[in-house]
């Protein structure tokens, strides 16, 4: 699954996005683009 969001003053940080996904045991990756962020995560097998 993936979520895209705008980067701005109120946007969560990269570490916060990963922490939110991994809190439930999911793997997560964040890519920071010039104006957007892309969070992808996956369930453990």
N, C-alpha and C. Protein backbone atom coordinates (compact mmCIF):
# COMPACT_ATOMS: atom_id res chain seq x y z
N UNK A 1 0.85 -1.16 0.00
CA UNK A 1 0.00 0.00 0.00
C UNK A 1 0.90 1.23 0.00
N UNK A 2 0.42 2.32 -0.56
CA UNK A 2 1.20 3.55 -0.62
C UNK A 2 0.31 4.75 -0.38
N UNK A 3 0.90 5.78 0.22
CA UNK A 3 0.22 7.05 0.45
C UNK A 3 1.14 8.16 -0.02
N UNK A 4 0.59 9.15 -0.72
CA UNK A 4 1.35 10.31 -1.17
C UNK A 4 0.79 11.53 -0.46
N UNK A 5 1.65 12.42 -0.01
CA UNK A 5 1.20 13.64 0.64
C UNK A 5 2.11 14.80 0.29
N UNK A 6 1.59 16.01 0.46
CA UNK A 6 2.39 17.20 0.18
C UNK A 6 3.37 17.44 1.31
N UNK A 7 4.56 17.90 0.95
CA UNK A 7 5.53 18.30 1.96
C UNK A 7 5.25 19.75 2.30
N UNK A 8 5.09 20.02 3.54
CA UNK A 8 4.82 21.39 3.98
C UNK A 8 5.13 21.51 5.46
N UNK A 9 4.84 22.65 6.02
CA UNK A 9 5.14 22.90 7.42
C UNK A 9 4.48 21.93 8.37
N UNK A 10 3.26 21.46 8.07
CA UNK A 10 2.55 20.56 8.98
C UNK A 10 2.70 19.10 8.64
N UNK A 11 3.49 18.77 7.62
CA UNK A 11 3.65 17.37 7.20
C UNK A 11 4.49 16.60 8.22
N UNK A 12 4.16 15.34 8.44
CA UNK A 12 4.97 14.52 9.36
C UNK A 12 6.36 14.31 8.80
N UNK A 13 7.31 14.10 9.70
CA UNK A 13 8.69 13.86 9.28
C UNK A 13 8.84 12.44 8.77
N UNK A 14 9.94 12.18 8.08
CA UNK A 14 10.22 10.84 7.56
C UNK A 14 10.22 9.81 8.69
N UNK A 15 10.89 10.11 9.78
CA UNK A 15 10.98 9.16 10.89
C UNK A 15 9.61 8.93 11.53
N UNK A 16 8.76 9.96 11.59
CA UNK A 16 7.43 9.79 12.16
C UNK A 16 6.57 8.89 11.28
N UNK A 17 6.66 9.04 9.96
CA UNK A 17 5.89 8.18 9.05
C UNK A 17 6.31 6.72 9.20
N UNK A 18 7.60 6.47 9.25
CA UNK A 18 8.09 5.09 9.41
C UNK A 18 7.69 4.55 10.77
N UNK A 19 7.80 5.36 11.81
CA UNK A 19 7.44 4.92 13.16
C UNK A 19 5.95 4.53 13.21
N UNK A 20 5.10 5.30 12.56
CA UNK A 20 3.66 4.99 12.56
C UNK A 20 3.38 3.64 11.91
N UNK A 21 4.03 3.36 10.79
CA UNK A 21 3.81 2.08 10.09
C UNK A 21 4.42 0.92 10.86
N UNK A 22 5.63 1.11 11.37
CA UNK A 22 6.31 -0.01 12.04
C UNK A 22 5.77 -0.28 13.43
N UNK A 23 5.00 0.64 13.98
CA UNK A 23 4.38 0.44 15.30
C UNK A 23 3.54 -0.84 15.32
N UNK A 24 2.98 -1.20 14.17
CA UNK A 24 2.13 -2.39 14.08
C UNK A 24 2.85 -3.57 13.44
N UNK A 25 4.17 -3.48 13.32
CA UNK A 25 4.95 -4.58 12.78
C UNK A 25 5.04 -4.58 11.26
N UNK A 26 4.64 -3.50 10.62
CA UNK A 26 4.70 -3.41 9.17
C UNK A 26 6.05 -2.86 8.75
N UNK A 27 6.54 -3.27 7.60
CA UNK A 27 7.73 -2.68 7.01
C UNK A 27 7.32 -1.37 6.35
N UNK A 28 8.24 -0.41 6.29
CA UNK A 28 7.89 0.89 5.72
C UNK A 28 9.10 1.52 5.04
N UNK A 29 8.82 2.33 4.04
CA UNK A 29 9.85 3.08 3.34
C UNK A 29 9.26 4.44 2.96
N UNK A 30 10.06 5.49 3.11
CA UNK A 30 9.61 6.84 2.75
C UNK A 30 10.56 7.40 1.71
N UNK A 31 9.98 7.92 0.64
CA UNK A 31 10.77 8.63 -0.38
C UNK A 31 10.36 10.08 -0.34
N UNK A 32 11.33 10.96 -0.17
CA UNK A 32 11.05 12.38 -0.12
C UNK A 32 11.34 12.99 -1.48
N UNK A 33 10.32 13.49 -2.14
CA UNK A 33 10.43 14.12 -3.45
C UNK A 33 10.43 15.64 -3.23
N UNK A 34 10.71 16.44 -4.25
CA UNK A 34 10.80 17.89 -4.05
C UNK A 34 9.58 18.50 -3.35
N UNK A 35 8.37 18.15 -3.74
CA UNK A 35 7.18 18.76 -3.14
C UNK A 35 6.28 17.76 -2.44
N UNK A 36 6.60 16.48 -2.53
CA UNK A 36 5.73 15.44 -1.98
C UNK A 36 6.56 14.38 -1.25
N UNK A 37 5.88 13.60 -0.42
CA UNK A 37 6.49 12.43 0.17
C UNK A 37 5.66 11.22 -0.27
N UNK A 38 6.29 10.07 -0.33
CA UNK A 38 5.64 8.82 -0.71
C UNK A 38 5.97 7.78 0.35
N UNK A 39 4.95 7.30 1.05
CA UNK A 39 5.12 6.28 2.07
C UNK A 39 4.59 4.97 1.51
N UNK A 40 5.43 3.95 1.48
CA UNK A 40 4.99 2.61 1.08
C UNK A 40 5.21 1.70 2.27
N UNK A 41 4.26 0.80 2.49
CA UNK A 41 4.44 -0.15 3.58
C UNK A 41 3.81 -1.47 3.21
N UNK A 42 4.23 -2.51 3.94
CA UNK A 42 3.80 -3.87 3.63
C UNK A 42 3.68 -4.65 4.91
N UNK A 43 2.79 -5.62 4.89
CA UNK A 43 2.56 -6.48 6.06
C UNK A 43 3.65 -7.54 6.13
N UNK A 44 4.02 -7.93 7.35
CA UNK A 44 5.01 -9.00 7.48
C UNK A 44 4.43 -10.32 6.98
N UNK A 45 5.30 -11.19 6.55
CA UNK A 45 4.84 -12.50 6.06
C UNK A 45 4.83 -13.50 7.18
